[in-house]
Amino acid sequence: MFDLEGQSESMTKPYFKQLGKEDFLWFLDDVVEAARLSRFFKEEALLNVIGTRINNIDALLASNENAYWDEVERAGRRELTNMFKQLCKSQQGPRLQMGKMYAYEIGDRILHDRELCYFIAQTIMDIGFDGETNEGLKVQWVERERWPARVKEILRSRDRGKCAACGVDIVQELHEEGHIDHMFPLAIGGCNDMVNLQLLCSNCNRRKLDRTEATASSVPQYIRRPKTPRRVALPNCPYW
C-alpha cells in the first residue's frame, strides 16, 4: 500500500495502479487521511492539494454525474496518480514510517481479537503449505518450539489473564501458571504463529489435548456491537 515500487500479487503493476474506478479514489482518500493523522508529513502541501482534488471530484457526483465519472476514469485519475507518485518519491522517509506504523496497528488489532486469530489460523491450515498429504489429510509441517517468556505475557494481556476456554482468572490463582495452547494442534497442520496461540489453565489444557475447539471472543463486552438492534420507543405521533 505504501510502497510505490512494490508489486502486487500479479507482479505486473504497483498495487494502486490496479485499482478500478472509485476504488482508486477511495484508496487515495484513505492514504491522505492516514498521512495527516500520522503527523510524519508535517506541513506537506501536496497532501492538501490531493485532498482538495478528491473533494472536488466527489462534489461532482451530486451535480454532474457524467463529469464525475469522466474525472474518476480519465483526467482526474491521471492527475491524482501523478501527484501520488510525486508524494511517494519526495516523502520516502515519512512514507516508510507511516507504513511501519500501519503494519503494527493492524497486527495489534488482529492479535487482540482471538476469534479473528482463530479464523486466520484456520485459513493458514486450510491452505495446506507442506502440511497436506496426497490424500488431502492434514499433517504436522512445523516443529514445536519453546516459547520465550514474552509470548506468554502477550497472550496474558490479550486474554486479560483469563483462561480462553473456561474463563478462570489465571492471574488470581496462586498455583496456576497458565499454558500456551495451539488452537489448531500442530499434529493436524496448525502453525506456530501467534494467531494460533491462546492461554489455557492447566485443567482446560489437559482436557483439550490435541483436539480443536471453537474459541470465544476476547473483545470486551462493553465495546462489542449489540447482536440485535435496540428497540427505540417512538413518540405517540399520528405521522409515525
C-alpha atoms as a PDB file:
ATOM      1  CA  MET A   1       0.000   0.000   0.000  1.00  0.00           C
ATOM      2  CA  PHE A   2       2.773   2.433   0.895  1.00  0.00           C
ATOM      3  CA  ASP A   3       5.470   1.090  -1.409  1.00  0.00           C
ATOM      4  CA  LEU A   4       5.384   2.883  -4.759  1.00  0.00           C
ATOM      5  CA  GLU A   5       7.784   0.428  -6.345  1.00  0.00           C
ATOM      6  CA  GLY A   6       6.279  -2.641  -4.647  1.00  0.00           C
ATOM      7  CA  GLN A   7       4.459  -5.109  -6.841  1.00  0.00           C
ATOM      8  CA  SER A   8       1.018  -6.507  -6.201  1.00  0.00           C
ATOM      9  CA  GLU A   9       0.063 -10.168  -6.399  1.00  0.00           C
ATOM     10  CA  SER A  10       0.095 -10.157 -10.198  1.00  0.00           C
ATOM     11  CA  MET A  11       3.690  -8.825 -10.117  1.00  0.00           C
ATOM     12  CA  THR A  12       2.956  -6.595 -13.101  1.00  0.00           C
ATOM     13  CA  LYS A  13       1.970  -3.205 -11.621  1.00  0.00           C
ATOM     14  CA  PRO A  14       2.160  -1.367  -8.299  1.00  0.00           C
ATOM     15  CA  TYR A  15      -0.925  -2.020  -6.197  1.00  0.00           C
ATOM     16  CA  PHE A  16      -2.604   1.378  -6.619  1.00  0.00           C
ATOM     17  CA  LYS A  17      -2.434   1.220 -10.431  1.00  0.00           C
ATOM     18  CA  GLN A  18      -4.616  -1.894 -10.492  1.00  0.00           C
ATOM     19  CA  LEU A  19      -7.475  -0.361  -8.541  1.00  0.00           C
ATOM     20  CA  GLY A  20     -10.527   0.263 -10.676  1.00  0.00           C
ATOM     21  CA  LYS A  21     -12.631   3.393 -10.919  1.00  0.00           C
ATOM     22  CA  GLU A  22     -13.801   4.624  -7.498  1.00  0.00           C
ATOM     23  CA  ASP A  23     -11.595   2.138  -5.628  1.00  0.00           C
ATOM     24  CA  PHE A  24      -8.569   4.215  -6.547  1.00  0.00           C
ATOM     25  CA  LEU A  25     -10.255   7.402  -5.334  1.00  0.00           C
ATOM     26  CA  TRP A  26     -11.241   5.814  -2.001  1.00  0.00           C
ATOM     27  CA  PHE A  27      -7.799   4.286  -1.579  1.00  0.00           C
ATOM     28  CA  LEU A  28      -6.087   7.632  -2.113  1.00  0.00           C
ATOM     29  CA  ASP A  29      -8.529   9.397   0.213  1.00  0.00           C
ATOM     30  CA  ASP A  30      -7.687   6.862   2.967  1.00  0.00           C
ATOM     31  CA  VAL A  31      -3.933   7.255   2.380  1.00  0.00           C
ATOM     32  CA  VAL A  32      -4.150  11.051   2.615  1.00  0.00           C
ATOM     33  CA  GLU A  33      -6.171  10.852   5.824  1.00  0.00           C
ATOM     34  CA  ALA A  34      -3.738   8.302   7.317  1.00  0.00           C
ATOM     35  CA  ALA A  35      -0.793  10.526   6.373  1.00  0.00           C
ATOM     36  CA  ARG A  36      -2.363  13.506   8.116  1.00  0.00           C
ATOM     37  CA  LEU A  37      -3.160  11.502  11.248  1.00  0.00           C
ATOM     38  CA  SER A  38       0.339  10.013  11.379  1.00  0.00           C
ATOM     39  CA  ARG A  39       1.875  13.510  11.677  1.00  0.00           C
ATOM     40  CA  PHE A  40       5.022  12.242   9.934  1.00  0.00           C
ATOM     41  CA  PHE A  41       4.458  14.515   6.945  1.00  0.00           C
ATOM     42  CA  LYS A  42       4.255  17.764   8.956  1.00  0.00           C
ATOM     43  CA  GLU A  43       3.042  20.588   6.675  1.00  0.00           C
ATOM     44  CA  GLU A  44       3.380  18.743   3.359  1.00  0.00           C
ATOM     45  CA  ALA A  45       1.372  20.946   0.965  1.00  0.00           C
ATOM     46  CA  LEU A  46       0.823  18.170  -1.562  1.00  0.00           C
ATOM     47  CA  LEU A  47      -1.419  16.313   0.898  1.00  0.00           C
ATOM     48  CA  ASN A  48      -3.807  19.265   0.926  1.00  0.00           C
ATOM     49  CA  VAL A  49      -3.684  19.553  -2.871  1.00  0.00           C
ATOM     50  CA  ILE A  50      -4.552  15.862  -3.295  1.00  0.00           C
ATOM     51  CA  GLY A  51      -7.268  16.058  -0.635  1.00  0.00           C
ATOM     52  CA  THR A  52      -8.847  19.117  -2.262  1.00  0.00           C
ATOM     53  CA  ARG A  53      -8.768  17.478  -5.702  1.00  0.00           C
ATOM     54  CA  ILE A  54     -10.521  14.387  -4.320  1.00  0.00           C
ATOM     55  CA  ASN A  55     -13.186  16.532  -2.641  1.00  0.00           C
ATOM     56  CA  ASN A  56     -13.814  18.432  -5.870  1.00  0.00           C
ATOM     57  CA  ILE A  57     -14.295  15.189  -7.776  1.00  0.00           C
ATOM     58  CA  ASP A  58     -16.631  13.843  -5.068  1.00  0.00           C
ATOM     59  CA  ALA A  59     -18.746  17.003  -5.265  1.00  0.00           C
ATOM     60  CA  LEU A  60     -19.438  16.358  -8.960  1.00  0.00           C
ATOM     61  CA  LEU A  61     -21.414  13.196  -8.193  1.00  0.00           C
ATOM     62  CA  ALA A  62     -24.404  15.204  -6.960  1.00  0.00           C
ATOM     63  CA  SER A  63     -24.308  17.907  -9.620  1.00  0.00           C
ATOM     64  CA  ASN A  64     -22.959  16.278 -12.781  1.00  0.00           C
ATOM     65  CA  GLU A  65     -22.608  12.501 -12.735  1.00  0.00           C
ATOM     66  CA  ASN A  66     -21.136  12.284 -16.235  1.00  0.00           C
ATOM     67  CA  ALA A  67     -18.399  14.744 -15.299  1.00  0.00           C
ATOM     68  CA  TYR A  68     -17.792  12.779 -12.098  1.00  0.00           C
ATOM     69  CA  TRP A  69     -17.158   9.511 -13.963  1.00  0.00           C
ATOM     70  CA  ASP A  70     -15.025  11.283 -16.534  1.00  0.00           C
ATOM     71  CA  GLU A  71     -12.783  12.565 -13.733  1.00  0.00           C
ATOM     72  CA  VAL A  72     -12.721   9.208 -11.933  1.00  0.00           C
ATOM     73  CA  GLU A  73     -11.798   7.241 -15.034  1.00  0.00           C
ATOM     74  CA  ARG A  74      -9.680   9.707 -17.010  1.00  0.00           C
ATOM     75  CA  ALA A  75      -8.312  13.204 -16.304  1.00  0.00           C
ATOM     76  CA  GLY A  76      -8.812  13.189 -12.541  1.00  0.00           C
ATOM     77  CA  ARG A  77      -7.262   9.772 -12.126  1.00  0.00           C
ATOM     78  CA  ARG A  78      -4.216  10.702 -14.220  1.00  0.00           C
ATOM     79  CA  GLU A  79      -3.693  13.906 -12.251  1.00  0.00           C
ATOM     80  CA  LEU A  80      -4.078  12.189  -8.879  1.00  0.00           C
ATOM     81  CA  THR A  81      -1.764   9.367  -9.939  1.00  0.00           C
ATOM     82  CA  ASN A  82       0.980  11.829 -10.866  1.00  0.00           C
ATOM     83  CA  MET A  83       0.569  13.726  -7.584  1.00  0.00           C
ATOM     84  CA  PHE A  84       0.629  10.472  -5.616  1.00  0.00           C
ATOM     85  CA  LYS A  85       3.852   9.408  -7.364  1.00  0.00           C
ATOM     86  CA  GLN A  86       5.391  12.786  -6.576  1.00  0.00           C
ATOM     87  CA  LEU A  87       4.362  12.486  -2.927  1.00  0.00           C
ATOM     88  CA  CYS A  88       5.828   8.983  -2.606  1.00  0.00           C
ATOM     89  CA  LYS A  89       9.145   9.987  -4.164  1.00  0.00           C
ATOM     90  CA  SER A  90       9.568  13.245  -2.264  1.00  0.00           C
ATOM     91  CA  GLN A  91       8.467  11.853   1.109  1.00  0.00           C
ATOM     92  CA  GLN A  92      10.121   8.441   1.257  1.00  0.00           C
ATOM     93  CA  GLY A  93      11.130   8.709   4.921  1.00  0.00           C
ATOM     94  CA  PRO A  94       7.678   9.670   6.269  1.00  0.00           C
ATOM     95  CA  ARG A  95       6.041   7.153   3.901  1.00  0.00           C
ATOM     96  CA  LEU A  96       8.108   4.278   5.322  1.00  0.00           C
ATOM     97  CA  GLN A  97       7.407   5.445   8.883  1.00  0.00           C
ATOM     98  CA  MET A  98       3.680   5.515   8.202  1.00  0.00           C
ATOM     99  CA  GLY A  99       3.808   2.068   6.600  1.00  0.00           C
ATOM    100  CA  LYS A 100       5.549   0.637   9.657  1.00  0.00           C
ATOM    101  CA  MET A 101       3.026   2.247  11.992  1.00  0.00           C
ATOM    102  CA  TYR A 102       0.177   0.907   9.857  1.00  0.00           C
ATOM    103  CA  ALA A 103       1.607  -2.628   9.990  1.00  0.00           C
ATOM    104  CA  TYR A 104       1.951  -2.525  13.789  1.00  0.00           C
ATOM    105  CA  GLU A 105      -1.561  -1.131  14.162  1.00  0.00           C
ATOM    106  CA  ILE A 106      -3.090  -3.890  12.028  1.00  0.00           C
ATOM    107  CA  GLY A 107      -1.028  -6.520  13.880  1.00  0.00           C
ATOM    108  CA  ASP A 108      -2.252  -5.260  17.256  1.00  0.00           C
ATOM    109  CA  ARG A 109      -5.886  -5.195  16.147  1.00  0.00           C
ATOM    110  CA  ILE A 110      -5.713  -8.746  14.807  1.00  0.00           C
ATOM    111  CA  LEU A 111      -3.953 -10.128  17.878  1.00  0.00           C
ATOM    112  CA  HIS A 112      -6.476  -8.630  20.307  1.00  0.00           C
ATOM    113  CA  ASP A 113      -9.393 -10.364  18.588  1.00  0.00           C
ATOM    114  CA  ARG A 114      -8.984 -14.067  19.387  1.00  0.00           C
ATOM    115  CA  GLU A 115     -11.837 -15.124  17.100  1.00  0.00           C
ATOM    116  CA  LEU A 116     -10.169 -13.315  14.191  1.00  0.00           C
ATOM    117  CA  CYS A 117      -6.890 -15.048  15.073  1.00  0.00           C
ATOM    118  CA  TYR A 118      -8.754 -18.374  15.043  1.00  0.00           C
ATOM    119  CA  PHE A 119     -10.088 -17.644  11.559  1.00  0.00           C
ATOM    120  CA  ILE A 120      -6.641 -16.698  10.244  1.00  0.00           C
ATOM    121  CA  ALA A 121      -5.011 -19.767  11.816  1.00  0.00           C
ATOM    122  CA  GLN A 122      -7.670 -21.987  10.250  1.00  0.00           C
ATOM    123  CA  THR A 123      -7.131 -20.339   6.859  1.00  0.00           C
ATOM    124  CA  ILE A 124      -3.370 -20.929   7.088  1.00  0.00           C
ATOM    125  CA  MET A 125      -4.032 -24.574   7.917  1.00  0.00           C
ATOM    126  CA  ASP A 126      -6.560 -24.961   5.084  1.00  0.00           C
ATOM    127  CA  ILE A 127      -4.117 -23.505   2.568  1.00  0.00           C
ATOM    128  CA  GLY A 128      -2.003 -26.515   3.381  1.00  0.00           C
ATOM    129  CA  PHE A 129       1.556 -25.404   2.644  1.00  0.00           C
ATOM    130  CA  ASP A 130       3.592 -28.573   3.305  1.00  0.00           C
ATOM    131  CA  GLY A 131       1.048 -29.862   5.797  1.00  0.00           C
ATOM    132  CA  GLU A 132      -1.174 -31.831   3.455  1.00  0.00           C
ATOM    133  CA  THR A 133      -0.726 -35.362   2.171  1.00  0.00           C
ATOM    134  CA  ASN A 134      -1.628 -36.595  -1.290  1.00  0.00           C
ATOM    135  CA  GLU A 135      -4.841 -37.922   0.211  1.00  0.00           C
ATOM    136  CA  GLY A 136      -5.771 -34.441   1.466  1.00  0.00           C
ATOM    137  CA  LEU A 137      -5.108 -35.275   5.125  1.00  0.00           C
ATOM    138  CA  LYS A 138      -3.634 -32.617   7.405  1.00  0.00           C
ATOM    139  CA  VAL A 139      -0.285 -33.478   8.952  1.00  0.00           C
ATOM    140  CA  GLN A 140       2.302 -31.674  11.052  1.00  0.00           C
ATOM    141  CA  TRP A 141       4.587 -29.453   8.989  1.00  0.00           C
ATOM    142  CA  VAL A 142       6.326 -27.312  11.650  1.00  0.00           C
ATOM    143  CA  GLU A 143       8.312 -28.284  14.750  1.00  0.00           C
ATOM    144  CA  ARG A 144       7.140 -27.499  18.272  1.00  0.00           C
ATOM    145  CA  GLU A 145       9.047 -24.568  19.742  1.00  0.00           C
ATOM    146  CA  ARG A 146       9.983 -23.443  23.221  1.00  0.00           C
ATOM    147  CA  TRP A 147       8.228 -20.113  23.672  1.00  0.00           C
ATOM    148  CA  PRO A 148      10.069 -17.097  25.094  1.00  0.00           C
ATOM    149  CA  ALA A 149       8.543 -15.548  28.213  1.00  0.00           C
ATOM    150  CA  ARG A 150       7.266 -12.572  26.208  1.00  0.00           C
ATOM    151  CA  VAL A 151       4.849 -14.770  24.257  1.00  0.00           C
ATOM    152  CA  LYS A 152       3.015 -15.739  27.436  1.00  0.00           C
ATOM    153  CA  GLU A 153       2.977 -12.082  28.519  1.00  0.00           C
ATOM    154  CA  ILE A 154       1.389 -11.058  25.216  1.00  0.00           C
ATOM    155  CA  LEU A 155      -1.256 -13.795  25.441  1.00  0.00           C
ATOM    156  CA  ARG A 156      -1.984 -12.958  29.083  1.00  0.00           C
ATOM    157  CA  SER A 157      -2.518  -9.350  28.067  1.00  0.00           C
ATOM    158  CA  ARG A 158      -4.782 -10.260  25.139  1.00  0.00           C
ATOM    159  CA  ASP A 159      -6.834 -12.746  27.176  1.00  0.00           C
ATOM    160  CA  ARG A 160      -6.804 -10.403  30.187  1.00  0.00           C
ATOM    161  CA  GLY A 161      -5.245 -13.006  32.423  1.00  0.00           C
ATOM    162  CA  LYS A 162      -8.083 -15.481  31.973  1.00  0.00           C
ATOM    163  CA  CYS A 163      -8.300 -18.959  30.505  1.00  0.00           C
ATOM    164  CA  ALA A 164      -9.579 -18.720  26.927  1.00  0.00           C
ATOM    165  CA  ALA A 165     -11.790 -21.806  27.471  1.00  0.00           C
ATOM    166  CA  CYS A 166     -13.355 -21.624  30.942  1.00  0.00           C
ATOM    167  CA  GLY A 167     -12.607 -18.014  31.901  1.00  0.00           C
ATOM    168  CA  VAL A 168     -10.888 -18.777  35.204  1.00  0.00           C
ATOM    169  CA  ASP A 169      -8.653 -15.897  36.289  1.00  0.00           C
ATOM    170  CA  ILE A 170      -5.147 -17.319  35.893  1.00  0.00           C
ATOM    171  CA  VAL A 171      -3.519 -14.226  37.385  1.00  0.00           C
ATOM    172  CA  GLN A 172      -5.557 -14.525  40.614  1.00  0.00           C
ATOM    173  CA  GLU A 173      -4.883 -18.256  41.051  1.00  0.00           C
ATOM    174  CA  LEU A 174      -1.713 -18.569  43.118  1.00  0.00           C
ATOM    175  CA  HIS A 175      -0.825 -22.055  41.832  1.00  0.00           C
ATOM    176  CA  GLU A 176      -1.842 -21.546  38.212  1.00  0.00           C
ATOM    177  CA  GLU A 177       0.817 -20.550  35.686  1.00  0.00           C
ATOM    178  CA  GLY A 178      -1.236 -20.902  32.530  1.00  0.00           C
ATOM    179  CA  HIS A 179      -0.324 -22.881  29.415  1.00  0.00           C
ATOM    180  CA  ILE A 180       0.234 -21.815  25.819  1.00  0.00           C
ATOM    181  CA  ASP A 181      -2.077 -23.829  23.589  1.00  0.00           C
ATOM    182  CA  HIS A 182      -2.246 -24.222  19.822  1.00  0.00           C
ATOM    183  CA  MET A 183      -5.881 -23.595  18.865  1.00  0.00           C
ATOM    184  CA  PHE A 184      -5.248 -25.839  15.856  1.00  0.00           C
ATOM    185  CA  PRO A 185      -2.788 -28.530  17.024  1.00  0.00           C
ATOM    186  CA  LEU A 186       0.468 -28.936  15.138  1.00  0.00           C
ATOM    187  CA  ALA A 187      -0.380 -32.602  14.593  1.00  0.00           C
ATOM    188  CA  ILE A 188      -3.236 -31.683  12.254  1.00  0.00           C
ATOM    189  CA  GLY A 189      -1.426 -28.926  10.357  1.00  0.00           C
ATOM    190  CA  GLY A 190      -1.636 -25.966  12.734  1.00  0.00           C
ATOM    191  CA  CYS A 191       1.061 -23.274  12.655  1.00  0.00           C
ATOM    192  CA  ASN A 192       3.381 -21.787  15.283  1.00  0.00           C
ATOM    193  CA  ASP A 193       2.296 -18.210  14.558  1.00  0.00           C
ATOM    194  CA  MET A 194       0.839 -16.041  17.338  1.00  0.00           C
ATOM    195  CA  VAL A 195      -2.577 -16.127  15.655  1.00  0.00           C
ATOM    196  CA  ASN A 196      -2.783 -19.848  16.507  1.00  0.00           C
ATOM    197  CA  LEU A 197      -1.998 -19.428  20.206  1.00  0.00           C
ATOM    198  CA  GLN A 198      -4.181 -18.945  23.265  1.00  0.00           C
ATOM    199  CA  LEU A 199      -3.755 -19.100  27.048  1.00  0.00           C
ATOM    200  CA  LEU A 200      -5.398 -22.004  28.912  1.00  0.00           C
ATOM    201  CA  CYS A 201      -5.489 -23.025  32.542  1.00  0.00           C
ATOM    202  CA  SER A 202      -4.000 -26.409  33.492  1.00  0.00           C
ATOM    203  CA  ASN A 203      -7.364 -28.200  33.629  1.00  0.00           C
ATOM    204  CA  CYS A 204      -8.524 -26.986  30.216  1.00  0.00           C
ATOM    205  CA  ASN A 205      -5.138 -27.668  28.651  1.00  0.00           C
ATOM    206  CA  ARG A 206      -5.189 -31.303  29.893  1.00  0.00           C
ATOM    207  CA  ARG A 207      -8.774 -31.754  28.720  1.00  0.00           C
ATOM    208  CA  LYS A 208      -8.217 -30.292  25.264  1.00  0.00           C
ATOM    209  CA  LEU A 209      -5.086 -32.285  24.398  1.00  0.00           C
ATOM    210  CA  ASP A 210      -4.774 -32.404  20.573  1.00  0.00           C
ATOM    211  CA  ARG A 211      -8.384 -31.580  19.829  1.00  0.00           C
ATOM    212  CA  THR A 212      -9.683 -28.460  18.127  1.00  0.00           C
ATOM    213  CA  GLU A 213     -12.365 -26.433  19.902  1.00  0.00           C
ATOM    214  CA  ALA A 214     -14.137 -23.252  18.880  1.00  0.00           C
ATOM    215  CA  THR A 215     -12.780 -20.248  20.748  1.00  0.00           C
ATOM    216  CA  ALA A 216     -14.680 -17.473  22.471  1.00  0.00           C
ATOM    217  CA  SER A 217     -14.282 -13.764  21.796  1.00  0.00           C
ATOM    218  CA  SER A 218     -11.526 -11.877  23.599  1.00  0.00           C
ATOM    219  CA  VAL A 219     -13.071  -8.482  22.790  1.00  0.00           C
ATOM    220  CA  PRO A 220     -14.515  -6.937  25.979  1.00  0.00           C
ATOM    221  CA  GLN A 221     -18.304  -6.990  26.123  1.00  0.00           C
ATOM    222  CA  TYR A 222     -18.538  -3.253  26.700  1.00  0.00           C
ATOM    223  CA  ILE A 223     -17.062  -2.411  23.280  1.00  0.00           C
ATOM    224  CA  ARG A 224     -18.906  -5.017  21.214  1.00  0.00           C
ATOM    225  CA  ARG A 225     -21.774  -4.080  18.984  1.00  0.00           C
ATOM    226  CA  PRO A 226     -25.161  -5.456  20.056  1.00  0.00           C
ATOM    227  CA  LYS A 227     -26.165  -8.584  18.108  1.00  0.00           C
ATOM    228  CA  THR A 228     -29.708  -7.306  17.629  1.00  0.00           C
ATOM    229  CA  PRO A 229     -30.738  -3.685  17.096  1.00  0.00           C
ATOM    230  CA  ARG A 230     -32.096  -1.997  20.173  1.00  0.00           C
ATOM    231  CA  ARG A 231     -35.772  -1.138  20.105  1.00  0.00           C
ATOM    232  CA  VAL A 232     -36.435   2.550  20.410  1.00  0.00           C
ATOM    233  CA  ALA A 233     -39.790   3.731  21.759  1.00  0.00           C
ATOM    234  CA  LEU A 234     -41.305   6.119  19.255  1.00  0.00           C
ATOM    235  CA  PRO A 235     -43.411   9.067  20.410  1.00  0.00           C
ATOM    236  CA  ASN A 236     -47.167   8.824  20.121  1.00  0.00           C
ATOM    237  CA  CYS A 237     -47.452  10.665  16.829  1.00  0.00           C
ATOM    238  CA  PRO A 238     -50.028  10.020  14.042  1.00  0.00           C
ATOM    239  CA  TYR A 239     -47.337  10.534  11.382  1.00  0.00           C
ATOM    240  CA  TRP A 240     -45.116   7.614  12.509  1.00  0.00           C
END
